[in-house]
Amino acid sequence: MTLADASARSGATVRLPRRLAIDLLHRAQIAQPEPIRGFVAARDGRPVAWRSSPPDAPEACWARLWSVPDAPAVPTQDELHAPGLNLIISLNTKGVLEIRAWQRGPHSPVELILTLEDE
C-alpha cells in the first residue's frame, strides 16, 4: 500500500511488519521528551524502514510518521495530509506505547485498522 492507496473509509486495514513497528516505537521512546517526525519508506509497496526525510528511489513514501510524547495518538484534520497514510505514536500512557493509523476524511480524521504482521 502506498500513500495514495490507503482507503479513507472506516474499517480499512493497514499492515505493518512487526519488526518495523518495534523499531518505530523504540525511536519514539528514546527521543522523549522530543517528538520524532519522518516517513515510512516502502519497497515494492511494502513498508520497510523509517526515514527522517522523504525516501528516494527505489523507495517510495508509504506513510508520514510522527510521535506525540504527551498526548493521545489522535490527529486533527489539519494535521493530516491528503490522500496519505499517517502513523502517529503516542507516549502519553506510562509504560505503554501506542501507534495508530489515520487518513484525512471528508470532514474529520478517519482511523484505519493497524495490524502487525510477522515476516
PDB file of N, CA and C in Angstrom:
ATOM      1  N   MET A   1       0.852  -1.166   0.000  1.00  0.00           N
ATOM      2  CA  MET A   1       0.000   0.000   0.000  1.00  0.00           C
ATOM      3  C   MET A   1       0.903   1.236   0.000  1.00  0.00           C
ATOM      4  N   THR A   2       0.667   2.156  -0.891  1.00  0.00           N
ATOM      5  CA  THR A   2       1.393   3.413  -0.910  1.00  0.00           C
ATOM      6  C   THR A   2       0.546   4.482  -0.257  1.00  0.00           C
ATOM      7  N   LEU A   3       1.090   5.685  -0.163  1.00  0.00           N
ATOM      8  CA  LEU A   3       0.326   6.789   0.424  1.00  0.00           C
ATOM      9  C   LEU A   3      -1.036   6.944  -0.218  1.00  0.00           C
ATOM     10  N   ALA A   4      -1.095   6.862  -1.527  1.00  0.00           N
ATOM     11  CA  ALA A   4      -2.344   7.116  -2.231  1.00  0.00           C
ATOM     12  C   ALA A   4      -3.275   5.916  -2.232  1.00  0.00           C
ATOM     13  N   ASP A   5      -2.771   4.722  -1.861  1.00  0.00           N
ATOM     14  CA  ASP A   5      -3.578   3.520  -1.958  1.00  0.00           C
ATOM     15  C   ASP A   5      -4.494   3.271  -0.777  1.00  0.00           C
ATOM     16  N   ALA A   6      -4.172   3.811   0.381  1.00  0.00           N
ATOM     17  CA  ALA A   6      -4.973   3.520   1.578  1.00  0.00           C
ATOM     18  C   ALA A   6      -6.371   4.096   1.418  1.00  0.00           C
ATOM     19  N   SER A   7      -7.337   3.324   1.819  1.00  0.00           N
ATOM     20  CA  SER A   7      -8.723   3.751   1.666  1.00  0.00           C
ATOM     21  C   SER A   7      -9.142   4.647   2.820  1.00  0.00           C
ATOM     22  N   ALA A   8      -9.786   5.765   2.506  1.00  0.00           N
ATOM     23  CA  ALA A   8     -10.243   6.703   3.545  1.00  0.00           C
ATOM     24  C   ALA A   8     -11.642   6.342   4.012  1.00  0.00           C
ATOM     25  N   ARG A   9     -11.817   5.082   4.364  1.00  0.00           N
ATOM     26  CA  ARG A   9     -13.102   4.660   4.904  1.00  0.00           C
ATOM     27  C   ARG A   9     -12.861   3.890   6.183  1.00  0.00           C
ATOM     28  N   SER A  10     -13.747   4.042   7.115  1.00  0.00           N
ATOM     29  CA  SER A  10     -13.607   3.378   8.395  1.00  0.00           C
ATOM     30  C   SER A  10     -13.564   1.871   8.190  1.00  0.00           C
ATOM     31  N   GLY A  11     -12.676   1.219   8.917  1.00  0.00           N
ATOM     32  CA  GLY A  11     -12.579  -0.229   8.831  1.00  0.00           C
ATOM     33  C   GLY A  11     -11.520  -0.721   7.870  1.00  0.00           C
ATOM     34  N   ALA A  12     -10.900   0.163   7.075  1.00  0.00           N
ATOM     35  CA  ALA A  12      -9.835  -0.272   6.178  1.00  0.00           C
ATOM     36  C   ALA A  12      -8.645  -0.722   7.019  1.00  0.00           C
ATOM     37  N   THR A  13      -7.934  -1.731   6.535  1.00  0.00           N
ATOM     38  CA  THR A  13      -6.817  -2.300   7.281  1.00  0.00           C
ATOM     39  C   THR A  13      -5.486  -1.936   6.648  1.00  0.00           C
ATOM     40  N   VAL A  14      -4.528  -1.606   7.501  1.00  0.00           N
ATOM     41  CA  VAL A  14      -3.165  -1.305   7.098  1.00  0.00           C
ATOM     42  C   VAL A  14      -2.276  -2.321   7.793  1.00  0.00           C
ATOM     43  N   ARG A  15      -1.377  -2.957   7.038  1.00  0.00           N
ATOM     44  CA  ARG A  15      -0.484  -3.966   7.614  1.00  0.00           C
ATOM     45  C   ARG A  15       0.925  -3.401   7.731  1.00  0.00           C
ATOM     46  N   LEU A  16       1.503  -3.571   8.919  1.00  0.00           N
ATOM     47  CA  LEU A  16       2.834  -3.073   9.212  1.00  0.00           C
ATOM     48  C   LEU A  16       3.662  -4.238   9.749  1.00  0.00           C
ATOM     49  N   PRO A  17       4.860  -4.466   9.188  1.00  0.00           N
ATOM     50  CA  PRO A  17       5.697  -5.537   9.731  1.00  0.00           C
ATOM     51  C   PRO A  17       5.999  -5.291  11.207  1.00  0.00           C
ATOM     52  N   ARG A  18       5.885  -6.323  12.012  1.00  0.00           N
ATOM     53  CA  ARG A  18       6.094  -6.217  13.452  1.00  0.00           C
ATOM     54  C   ARG A  18       7.477  -5.649  13.778  1.00  0.00           C
ATOM     55  N   ARG A  19       8.509  -6.109  13.060  1.00  0.00           N
ATOM     56  CA  ARG A  19       9.870  -5.636  13.306  1.00  0.00           C
ATOM     57  C   ARG A  19       9.978  -4.133  13.086  1.00  0.00           C
ATOM     58  N   LEU A  20       9.315  -3.616  12.052  1.00  0.00           N
ATOM     59  CA  LEU A  20       9.335  -2.181  11.776  1.00  0.00           C
ATOM     60  C   LEU A  20       8.547  -1.422  12.842  1.00  0.00           C
ATOM     61  N   ALA A  21       7.418  -1.951  13.275  1.00  0.00           N
ATOM     62  CA  ALA A  21       6.634  -1.295  14.326  1.00  0.00           C
ATOM     63  C   ALA A  21       7.454  -1.177  15.610  1.00  0.00           C
ATOM     64  N   ILE A  22       8.177  -2.223  15.959  1.00  0.00           N
ATOM     65  CA  ILE A  22       9.019  -2.184  17.156  1.00  0.00           C
ATOM     66  C   ILE A  22      10.107  -1.132  16.998  1.00  0.00           C
ATOM     67  N   ASP A  23      10.698  -1.039  15.824  1.00  0.00           N
ATOM     68  CA  ASP A  23      11.732  -0.024  15.569  1.00  0.00           C
ATOM     69  C   ASP A  23      11.158   1.386  15.695  1.00  0.00           C
ATOM     70  N   LEU A  24       9.981   1.622  15.132  1.00  0.00           N
ATOM     71  CA  LEU A  24       9.366   2.951  15.198  1.00  0.00           C
ATOM     72  C   LEU A  24       9.048   3.332  16.642  1.00  0.00           C
ATOM     73  N   LEU A  25       8.489   2.399  17.392  1.00  0.00           N
ATOM     74  CA  LEU A  25       8.164   2.669  18.793  1.00  0.00           C
ATOM     75  C   LEU A  25       9.435   2.938  19.606  1.00  0.00           C
ATOM     76  N   HIS A  26      10.487   2.187  19.331  1.00  0.00           N
ATOM     77  CA  HIS A  26      11.766   2.395  20.025  1.00  0.00           C
ATOM     78  C   HIS A  26      12.325   3.784  19.740  1.00  0.00           C
ATOM     79  N   ARG A  27      12.294   4.203  18.481  1.00  0.00           N
ATOM     80  CA  ARG A  27      12.785   5.535  18.111  1.00  0.00           C
ATOM     81  C   ARG A  27      12.016   6.632  18.854  1.00  0.00           C
ATOM     82  N   ALA A  28      10.703   6.471  18.928  1.00  0.00           N
ATOM     83  CA  ALA A  28       9.888   7.470  19.635  1.00  0.00           C
ATOM     84  C   ALA A  28      10.223   7.478  21.123  1.00  0.00           C
ATOM     85  N   GLN A  29      10.438   6.315  21.680  1.00  0.00           N
ATOM     86  CA  GLN A  29      10.710   6.221  23.114  1.00  0.00           C
ATOM     87  C   GLN A  29      12.054   6.852  23.486  1.00  0.00           C
ATOM     88  N   ILE A  30      13.090   6.604  22.705  1.00  0.00           N
ATOM     89  CA  ILE A  30      14.404   7.148  23.055  1.00  0.00           C
ATOM     90  C   ILE A  30      14.521   8.639  22.747  1.00  0.00           C
ATOM     91  N   ALA A  31      13.634   9.164  21.907  1.00  0.00           N
ATOM     92  CA  ALA A  31      13.658  10.595  21.575  1.00  0.00           C
ATOM     93  C   ALA A  31      12.969  11.447  22.636  1.00  0.00           C
ATOM     94  N   GLN A  32      12.225  10.816  23.547  1.00  0.00           N
ATOM     95  CA  GLN A  32      11.494  11.577  24.560  1.00  0.00           C
ATOM     96  C   GLN A  32      12.420  12.530  25.288  1.00  0.00           C
ATOM     97  N   PRO A  33      11.979  13.716  25.633  1.00  0.00           N
ATOM     98  CA  PRO A  33      10.619  14.245  25.526  1.00  0.00           C
ATOM     99  C   PRO A  33      10.331  14.886  24.167  1.00  0.00           C
ATOM    100  N   GLU A  34      11.283  14.818  23.247  1.00  0.00           N
ATOM    101  CA  GLU A  34      11.077  15.394  21.915  1.00  0.00           C
ATOM    102  C   GLU A  34      10.277  14.436  21.039  1.00  0.00           C
ATOM    103  N   PRO A  35       9.443  14.966  20.147  1.00  0.00           N
ATOM    104  CA  PRO A  35       8.743  14.096  19.199  1.00  0.00           C
ATOM    105  C   PRO A  35       9.676  13.703  18.052  1.00  0.00           C
ATOM    106  N   ILE A  36       9.336  12.628  17.381  1.00  0.00           N
ATOM    107  CA  ILE A  36      10.027  12.294  16.141  1.00  0.00           C
ATOM    108  C   ILE A  36       9.096  12.613  14.985  1.00  0.00           C
ATOM    109  N   ARG A  37       9.672  12.902  13.851  1.00  0.00           N
ATOM    110  CA  ARG A  37       8.910  13.144  12.626  1.00  0.00           C
ATOM    111  C   ARG A  37       9.674  12.503  11.490  1.00  0.00           C
ATOM    112  N   GLY A  38       8.942  11.948  10.553  1.00  0.00           N
ATOM    113  CA  GLY A  38       9.621  11.327   9.431  1.00  0.00           C
ATOM    114  C   GLY A  38       8.638  10.620   8.522  1.00  0.00           C
ATOM    115  N   PHE A  39       9.175   9.628   7.852  1.00  0.00           N
ATOM    116  CA  PHE A  39       8.426   8.905   6.829  1.00  0.00           C
ATOM    117  C   PHE A  39       8.700   7.417   6.960  1.00  0.00           C
ATOM    118  N   VAL A  40       7.751   6.617   6.534  1.00  0.00           N
ATOM    119  CA  VAL A  40       7.968   5.187   6.426  1.00  0.00           C
ATOM    120  C   VAL A  40       8.170   4.913   4.943  1.00  0.00           C
ATOM    121  N   ALA A  41       9.353   4.380   4.631  1.00  0.00           N
ATOM    122  CA  ALA A  41       9.699   4.076   3.242  1.00  0.00           C
ATOM    123  C   ALA A  41       9.192   2.686   2.874  1.00  0.00           C
ATOM    124  N   ALA A  42       8.913   2.510   1.597  1.00  0.00           N
ATOM    125  CA  ALA A  42       8.434   1.218   1.102  1.00  0.00           C
ATOM    126  C   ALA A  42       9.245   0.802  -0.123  1.00  0.00           C
ATOM    127  N   ARG A  43       9.354  -0.498  -0.280  1.00  0.00           N
ATOM    128  CA  ARG A  43       9.911  -1.099  -1.499  1.00  0.00           C
ATOM    129  C   ARG A  43       8.883  -2.104  -1.990  1.00  0.00           C
ATOM    130  N   ASP A  44       8.591  -2.042  -3.267  1.00  0.00           N
ATOM    131  CA  ASP A  44       7.590  -2.936  -3.861  1.00  0.00           C
ATOM    132  C   ASP A  44       6.257  -2.867  -3.110  1.00  0.00           C
ATOM    133  N   GLY A  45       5.914  -1.666  -2.618  1.00  0.00           N
ATOM    134  CA  GLY A  45       4.638  -1.456  -1.955  1.00  0.00           C
ATOM    135  C   GLY A  45       4.577  -1.907  -0.506  1.00  0.00           C
ATOM    136  N   ARG A  46       5.677  -2.424   0.031  1.00  0.00           N
ATOM    137  CA  ARG A  46       5.695  -2.908   1.412  1.00  0.00           C
ATOM    138  C   ARG A  46       6.549  -1.996   2.279  1.00  0.00           C
ATOM    139  N   PRO A  47       6.046  -1.604   3.465  1.00  0.00           N
ATOM    140  CA  PRO A  47       6.821  -0.734   4.350  1.00  0.00           C
ATOM    141  C   PRO A  47       8.078  -1.448   4.835  1.00  0.00           C
ATOM    142  N   VAL A  48       9.228  -0.717   4.801  1.00  0.00           N
ATOM    143  CA  VAL A  48      10.494  -1.359   5.144  1.00  0.00           C
ATOM    144  C   VAL A  48      11.328  -0.612   6.180  1.00  0.00           C
ATOM    145  N   ALA A  49      11.210   0.721   6.277  1.00  0.00           N
ATOM    146  CA  ALA A  49      12.119   1.449   7.162  1.00  0.00           C
ATOM    147  C   ALA A  49      11.611   2.849   7.446  1.00  0.00           C
ATOM    148  N   TRP A  50      12.100   3.422   8.571  1.00  0.00           N
ATOM    149  CA  TRP A  50      11.846   4.813   8.914  1.00  0.00           C
ATOM    150  C   TRP A  50      12.903   5.671   8.232  1.00  0.00           C
ATOM    151  N   ARG A  51      12.498   6.838   7.758  1.00  0.00           N
ATOM    152  CA  ARG A  51      13.420   7.802   7.168  1.00  0.00           C
ATOM    153  C   ARG A  51      13.095   9.173   7.761  1.00  0.00           C
ATOM    154  N   SER A  52      14.130   9.959   8.025  1.00  0.00           N
ATOM    155  CA  SER A  52      13.906  11.295   8.582  1.00  0.00           C
ATOM    156  C   SER A  52      13.493  12.288   7.504  1.00  0.00           C
ATOM    157  N   SER A  53      13.736  11.958   6.245  1.00  0.00           N
ATOM    158  CA  SER A  53      13.315  12.800   5.120  1.00  0.00           C
ATOM    159  C   SER A  53      12.634  11.901   4.090  1.00  0.00           C
ATOM    160  N   PRO A  54      11.913  12.501   3.134  1.00  0.00           N
ATOM    161  CA  PRO A  54      11.209  11.671   2.155  1.00  0.00           C
ATOM    162  C   PRO A  54      12.174  10.712   1.452  1.00  0.00           C
ATOM    163  N   PRO A  55      11.772   9.459   1.292  1.00  0.00           N
ATOM    164  CA  PRO A  55      12.660   8.475   0.671  1.00  0.00           C
ATOM    165  C   PRO A  55      12.912   8.769  -0.802  1.00  0.00           C
ATOM    166  N   ASP A  56      14.084   8.370  -1.247  1.00  0.00           N
ATOM    167  CA  ASP A  56      14.463   8.483  -2.656  1.00  0.00           C
ATOM    168  C   ASP A  56      14.300   7.126  -3.325  1.00  0.00           C
ATOM    169  N   ALA A  57      14.238   7.152  -4.673  1.00  0.00           N
ATOM    170  CA  ALA A  57      14.132   5.911  -5.448  1.00  0.00           C
ATOM    171  C   ALA A  57      15.314   5.015  -5.095  1.00  0.00           C
ATOM    172  N   PRO A  58      15.138   3.724  -4.994  1.00  0.00           N
ATOM    173  CA  PRO A  58      13.974   2.942  -5.417  1.00  0.00           C
ATOM    174  C   PRO A  58      12.870   2.846  -4.360  1.00  0.00           C
ATOM    175  N   GLU A  59      13.013   3.541  -3.238  1.00  0.00           N
ATOM    176  CA  GLU A  59      11.974   3.506  -2.216  1.00  0.00           C
ATOM    177  C   GLU A  59      10.889   4.530  -2.522  1.00  0.00           C
ATOM    178  N   ALA A  60       9.713   4.272  -1.959  1.00  0.00           N
ATOM    179  CA  ALA A  60       8.583   5.198  -2.079  1.00  0.00           C
ATOM    180  C   ALA A  60       8.112   5.554  -0.680  1.00  0.00           C
ATOM    181  N   CYS A  61       7.381   6.637  -0.557  1.00  0.00           N
ATOM    182  CA  CYS A  61       6.825   7.041   0.734  1.00  0.00           C
ATOM    183  C   CYS A  61       5.547   6.246   0.984  1.00  0.00           C
ATOM    184  N   TRP A  62       5.558   5.456   2.039  1.00  0.00           N
ATOM    185  CA  TRP A  62       4.404   4.642   2.395  1.00  0.00           C
ATOM    186  C   TRP A  62       3.496   5.379   3.372  1.00  0.00           C
ATOM    187  N   ALA A  63       4.107   6.177   4.279  1.00  0.00           N
ATOM    188  CA  ALA A  63       3.324   6.914   5.285  1.00  0.00           C
ATOM    189  C   ALA A  63       4.160   8.035   5.884  1.00  0.00           C
ATOM    190  N   ARG A  64       3.479   9.056   6.395  1.00  0.00           N
ATOM    191  CA  ARG A  64       4.109  10.071   7.243  1.00  0.00           C
ATOM    192  C   ARG A  64       3.985   9.569   8.674  1.00  0.00           C
ATOM    193  N   LEU A  65       4.993   9.855   9.482  1.00  0.00           N
ATOM    194  CA  LEU A  65       5.004   9.361  10.849  1.00  0.00           C
ATOM    195  C   LEU A  65       5.398  10.480  11.787  1.00  0.00           C
ATOM    196  N   TRP A  66       4.738  10.566  12.938  1.00  0.00           N
ATOM    197  CA  TRP A  66       5.193  11.465  13.983  1.00  0.00           C
ATOM    198  C   TRP A  66       4.756  10.921  15.331  1.00  0.00           C
ATOM    199  N   SER A  67       5.453  11.381  16.365  1.00  0.00           N
ATOM    200  CA  SER A  67       5.096  10.965  17.714  1.00  0.00           C
ATOM    201  C   SER A  67       4.613  12.164  18.507  1.00  0.00           C
ATOM    202  N   VAL A  68       3.804  11.872  19.502  1.00  0.00           N
ATOM    203  CA  VAL A  68       3.316  12.882  20.434  1.00  0.00           C
ATOM    204  C   VAL A  68       3.626  12.370  21.834  1.00  0.00           C
ATOM    205  N   PRO A  69       4.650  12.942  22.473  1.00  0.00           N
ATOM    206  CA  PRO A  69       5.081  12.421  23.769  1.00  0.00           C
ATOM    207  C   PRO A  69       4.053  12.546  24.894  1.00  0.00           C
ATOM    208  N   ASP A  70       3.172  13.536  24.836  1.00  0.00           N
ATOM    209  CA  ASP A  70       2.279  13.759  25.972  1.00  0.00           C
ATOM    210  C   ASP A  70       0.828  13.992  25.559  1.00  0.00           C
ATOM    211  N   ALA A  71       0.413  13.343  24.484  1.00  0.00           N
ATOM    212  CA  ALA A  71      -0.968  13.484  24.012  1.00  0.00           C
ATOM    213  C   ALA A  71      -1.407  12.158  23.383  1.00  0.00           C
ATOM    214  N   PRO A  72      -2.707  11.951  23.236  1.00  0.00           N
ATOM    215  CA  PRO A  72      -3.193  10.745  22.555  1.00  0.00           C
ATOM    216  C   PRO A  72      -2.790  10.750  21.079  1.00  0.00           C
ATOM    217  N   ALA A  73      -2.773   9.572  20.473  1.00  0.00           N
ATOM    218  CA  ALA A  73      -2.419   9.424  19.059  1.00  0.00           C
ATOM    219  C   ALA A  73      -3.627   9.715  18.173  1.00  0.00           C
ATOM    220  N   VAL A  74      -4.236  10.873  18.388  1.00  0.00           N
ATOM    221  CA  VAL A  74      -5.428  11.288  17.644  1.00  0.00           C
ATOM    222  C   VAL A  74      -5.141  12.639  17.006  1.00  0.00           C
ATOM    223  N   PRO A  75      -5.123  12.708  15.669  1.00  0.00           N
ATOM    224  CA  PRO A  75      -4.796  13.962  14.991  1.00  0.00           C
ATOM    225  C   PRO A  75      -6.011  14.856  14.793  1.00  0.00           C
ATOM    226  N   THR A  76      -5.735  16.094  14.467  1.00  0.00           N
ATOM    227  CA  THR A  76      -6.791  16.970  13.963  1.00  0.00           C
ATOM    228  C   THR A  76      -6.814  16.810  12.447  1.00  0.00           C
ATOM    229  N   GLN A  77      -7.878  17.217  11.827  1.00  0.00           N
ATOM    230  CA  GLN A  77      -7.998  17.124  10.369  1.00  0.00           C
ATOM    231  C   GLN A  77      -6.868  17.902   9.688  1.00  0.00           C
ATOM    232  N   ASP A  78      -6.491  19.039  10.253  1.00  0.00           N
ATOM    233  CA  ASP A  78      -5.457  19.879   9.651  1.00  0.00           C
ATOM    234  C   ASP A  78      -4.065  19.258   9.716  1.00  0.00           C
ATOM    235  N   GLU A  79      -3.847  18.338  10.637  1.00  0.00           N
ATOM    236  CA  GLU A  79      -2.536  17.694  10.754  1.00  0.00           C
ATOM    237  C   GLU A  79      -2.309  16.609   9.698  1.00  0.00           C
ATOM    238  N   LEU A  80      -3.372  16.149   9.069  1.00  0.00           N
ATOM    239  CA  LEU A  80      -3.277  15.053   8.114  1.00  0.00           C
ATOM    240  C   LEU A  80      -3.090  15.560   6.695  1.00  0.00           C
ATOM    241  N   HIS A  81      -2.288  14.840   5.941  1.00  0.00           N
ATOM    242  CA  HIS A  81      -2.061  15.185   4.542  1.00  0.00           C
ATOM    243  C   HIS A  81      -2.880  14.267   3.666  1.00  0.00           C
ATOM    244  N   ALA A  82      -3.675  14.821   2.777  1.00  0.00           N
ATOM    245  CA  ALA A  82      -4.486  14.025   1.856  1.00  0.00           C
ATOM    246  C   ALA A  82      -3.642  13.722   0.636  1.00  0.00           C
ATOM    247  N   PRO A  83      -3.777  12.575   0.041  1.00  0.00           N
ATOM    248  CA  PRO A  83      -4.571  11.415   0.449  1.00  0.00           C
ATOM    249  C   PRO A  83      -3.789  10.438   1.294  1.00  0.00           C
ATOM    250  N   GLY A  84      -2.745  10.887   1.930  1.00  0.00           N
ATOM    251  CA  GLY A  84      -1.768   9.995   2.535  1.00  0.00           C
ATOM    252  C   GLY A  84      -2.144   9.292   3.813  1.00  0.00           C
ATOM    253  N   LEU A  85      -1.385   8.262   4.058  1.00  0.00           N
ATOM    254  CA  LEU A  85      -1.466   7.497   5.287  1.00  0.00           C
ATOM    255  C   LEU A  85      -0.589   8.177   6.326  1.00  0.00           C
ATOM    256  N   ASN A  86      -1.081   8.273   7.549  1.00  0.00           N
ATOM    257  CA  ASN A  86      -0.362   8.911   8.652  1.00  0.00           C
ATOM    258  C   ASN A  86      -0.308   7.949   9.821  1.00  0.00           C
ATOM    259  N   LEU A  87       0.883   7.737  10.370  1.00  0.00           N
ATOM    260  CA  LEU A  87       1.049   6.924  11.566  1.00  0.00           C
ATOM    261  C   LEU A  87       1.426   7.849  12.709  1.00  0.00           C
ATOM    262  N   ILE A  88       0.738   7.706  13.829  1.00  0.00           N
ATOM    263  CA  ILE A  88       1.001   8.555  14.987  1.00  0.00           C
ATOM    264  C   ILE A  88       1.305   7.654  16.180  1.00  0.00           C
ATOM    265  N   ILE A  89       2.410   7.958  16.837  1.00  0.00           N
ATOM    266  CA  ILE A  89       2.819   7.213  18.021  1.00  0.00           C
ATOM    267  C   ILE A  89       2.560   8.090  19.235  1.00  0.00           C
ATOM    268  N   SER A  90       1.883   7.527  20.235  1.00  0.00           N
ATOM    269  CA  SER A  90       1.644   8.243  21.481  1.00  0.00           C
ATOM    270  C   SER A  90       2.442   7.602  22.603  1.00  0.00           C
ATOM    271  N   LEU A  91       3.052   8.444  23.402  1.00  0.00           N
ATOM    272  CA  LEU A  91       3.784   8.001  24.584  1.00  0.00           C
ATOM    273  C   LEU A  91       3.073   8.521  25.834  1.00  0.00           C
ATOM    274  N   ASN A  92       1.804   8.847  25.677  1.00  0.00           N
ATOM    275  CA  ASN A  92       1.019   9.524  26.714  1.00  0.00           C
ATOM    276  C   ASN A  92       0.738   8.653  27.936  1.00  0.00           C
ATOM    277  N   THR A  93       0.693   7.349  27.767  1.00  0.00           N
ATOM    278  CA  THR A  93       0.372   6.454  28.867  1.00  0.00           C
ATOM    279  C   THR A  93       1.657   5.838  29.401  1.00  0.00           C
ATOM    280  N   LYS A  94       1.904   5.987  30.664  1.00  0.00           N
ATOM    281  CA  LYS A  94       3.147   5.489  31.264  1.00  0.00           C
ATOM    282  C   LYS A  94       3.281   3.981  31.046  1.00  0.00           C
ATOM    283  N   GLY A  95       4.415   3.592  30.457  1.00  0.00           N
ATOM    284  CA  GLY A  95       4.700   2.188  30.229  1.00  0.00           C
ATOM    285  C   GLY A  95       4.035   1.584  29.010  1.00  0.00           C
ATOM    286  N   VAL A  96       3.228   2.356  28.299  1.00  0.00           N
ATOM    287  CA  VAL A  96       2.517   1.835  27.132  1.00  0.00           C
ATOM    288  C   VAL A  96       2.787   2.745  25.940  1.00  0.00           C
ATOM    289  N   LEU A  97       3.173   2.142  24.831  1.00  0.00           N
ATOM    290  CA  LEU A  97       3.354   2.894  23.588  1.00  0.00           C
ATOM    291  C   LEU A  97       2.219   2.518  22.654  1.00  0.00           C
ATOM    292  N   GLU A  98       1.739   3.492  21.921  1.00  0.00           N
ATOM    293  CA  GLU A  98       0.590   3.265  21.041  1.00  0.00           C
ATOM    294  C   GLU A  98       0.916   3.807  19.661  1.00  0.00           C
ATOM    295  N   ILE A  99       0.590   3.043  18.636  1.00  0.00           N
ATOM    296  CA  ILE A  99       0.738   3.517  17.266  1.00  0.00           C
ATOM    297  C   ILE A  99      -0.600   3.307  16.563  1.00  0.00           C
ATOM    298  N   ARG A 100      -1.079   4.377  15.902  1.00  0.00           N
ATOM    299  CA  ARG A 100      -2.374   4.324  15.223  1.00  0.00           C
ATOM    300  C   ARG A 100      -2.237   4.886  13.814  1.00  0.00           C
ATOM    301  N   ALA A 101      -3.080   4.411  12.914  1.00  0.00           N
ATOM    302  CA  ALA A 101      -3.060   4.818  11.502  1.00  0.00           C
ATOM    303  C   ALA A 101      -4.284   5.675  11.193  1.00  0.00           C
ATOM    304  N   TRP A 102      -4.040   6.769  10.451  1.00  0.00           N
ATOM    305  CA  TRP A 102      -5.101   7.729  10.132  1.00  0.00           C
ATOM    306  C   TRP A 102      -5.000   8.203   8.692  1.00  0.00           C
ATOM    307  N   GLN A 103      -6.128   8.623   8.155  1.00  0.00           N
ATOM    308  CA  GLN A 103      -6.202   9.338   6.881  1.00  0.00           C
ATOM    309  C   GLN A 103      -7.151  10.512   7.029  1.00  0.00           C
ATOM    310  N   ARG A 104      -6.971  11.450   6.157  1.00  0.00           N
ATOM    311  CA  ARG A 104      -7.858  12.607   6.128  1.00  0.00           C
ATOM    312  C   ARG A 104      -9.182  12.178   5.515  1.00  0.00           C
ATOM    313  N   GLY A 105     -10.265  12.437   6.245  1.00  0.00           N
ATOM    314  CA  GLY A 105     -11.591  12.120   5.732  1.00  0.00           C
ATOM    315  C   GLY A 105     -12.236  13.371   5.166  1.00  0.00           C
ATOM    316  N   PRO A 106     -13.449  13.272   4.670  1.00  0.00           N
ATOM    317  CA  PRO A 106     -14.130  14.438   4.105  1.00  0.00           C
ATOM    318  C   PRO A 106     -14.312  15.575   5.112  1.00  0.00           C
ATOM    319  N   HIS A 107     -14.588  15.207   6.380  1.00  0.00           N
ATOM    320  CA  HIS A 107     -14.856  16.229   7.393  1.00  0.00           C
ATOM    321  C   HIS A 107     -14.032  16.061   8.666  1.00  0.00           C
ATOM    322  N   SER A 108     -13.514  14.875   8.885  1.00  0.00           N
ATOM    323  CA  SER A 108     -12.742  14.603  10.098  1.00  0.00           C
ATOM    324  C   SER A 108     -11.780  13.449   9.830  1.00  0.00           C
ATOM    325  N   PRO A 109     -10.769  13.279  10.696  1.00  0.00           N
ATOM    326  CA  PRO A 109      -9.830  12.173  10.508  1.00  0.00           C
ATOM    327  C   PRO A 109     -10.538  10.820  10.546  1.00  0.00           C
ATOM    328  N   VAL A 110     -10.038   9.893   9.749  1.00  0.00           N
ATOM    329  CA  VAL A 110     -10.582   8.541   9.693  1.00  0.00           C
ATOM    330  C   VAL A 110      -9.497   7.586  10.180  1.00  0.00           C
ATOM    331  N   GLU A 111      -9.815   6.822  11.215  1.00  0.00           N
ATOM    332  CA  GLU A 111      -8.850   5.855  11.720  1.00  0.00           C
ATOM    333  C   GLU A 111      -8.941   4.573  10.928  1.00  0.00           C
ATOM    334  N   LEU A 112      -7.773   4.031  10.599  1.00  0.00           N
ATOM    335  CA  LEU A 112      -7.681   2.767   9.893  1.00  0.00           C
ATOM    336  C   LEU A 112      -7.259   1.693  10.900  1.00  0.00           C
ATOM    337  N   ILE A 113      -7.583   0.465  10.616  1.00  0.00           N
ATOM    338  CA  ILE A 113      -7.192  -0.644  11.480  1.00  0.00           C
ATOM    339  C   ILE A 113      -5.742  -0.983  11.167  1.00  0.00           C
ATOM    340  N   LEU A 114      -4.892  -0.906  12.169  1.00  0.00           N
ATOM    341  CA  LEU A 114      -3.472  -1.203  12.003  1.00  0.00           C
ATOM    342  C   LEU A 114      -3.202  -2.591  12.552  1.00  0.00           C
ATOM    343  N   THR A 115      -2.725  -3.475  11.688  1.00  0.00           N
ATOM    344  CA  THR A 115      -2.378  -4.827  12.131  1.00  0.00           C
ATOM    345  C   THR A 115      -0.885  -5.040  11.922  1.00  0.00           C
ATOM    346  N   LEU A 116      -0.296  -5.786  12.838  1.00  0.00           N
ATOM    347  CA  LEU A 116       1.117  -6.120  12.742  1.00  0.00           C
ATOM    348  C   LEU A 116       1.223  -7.513  12.134  1.00  0.00           C
ATOM    349  N   GLU A 117       2.192  -7.658  11.226  1.00  0.00           N
ATOM    350  CA  GLU A 117       2.367  -8.970  10.606  1.00  0.00           C
ATOM    351  C   GLU A 117       3.811  -9.427  10.796  1.00  0.00           C
ATOM    352  N   ASP A 118       3.948 -10.713  11.010  1.00  0.00           N
ATOM    353  CA  ASP A 118       5.269 -11.306  11.102  1.00  0.00           C
ATOM    354  C   ASP A 118       5.766 -11.547   9.680  1.00  0.00           C
ATOM    355  N   GLU A 119       7.057 -11.389   9.527  1.00  0.00           N
ATOM    356  CA  GLU A 119       7.619 -11.522   8.174  1.00  0.00           C
ATOM    357  C   GLU A 119       8.028 -12.931   7.870  1.00  0.00           C
TER     358      GLU A 119
END
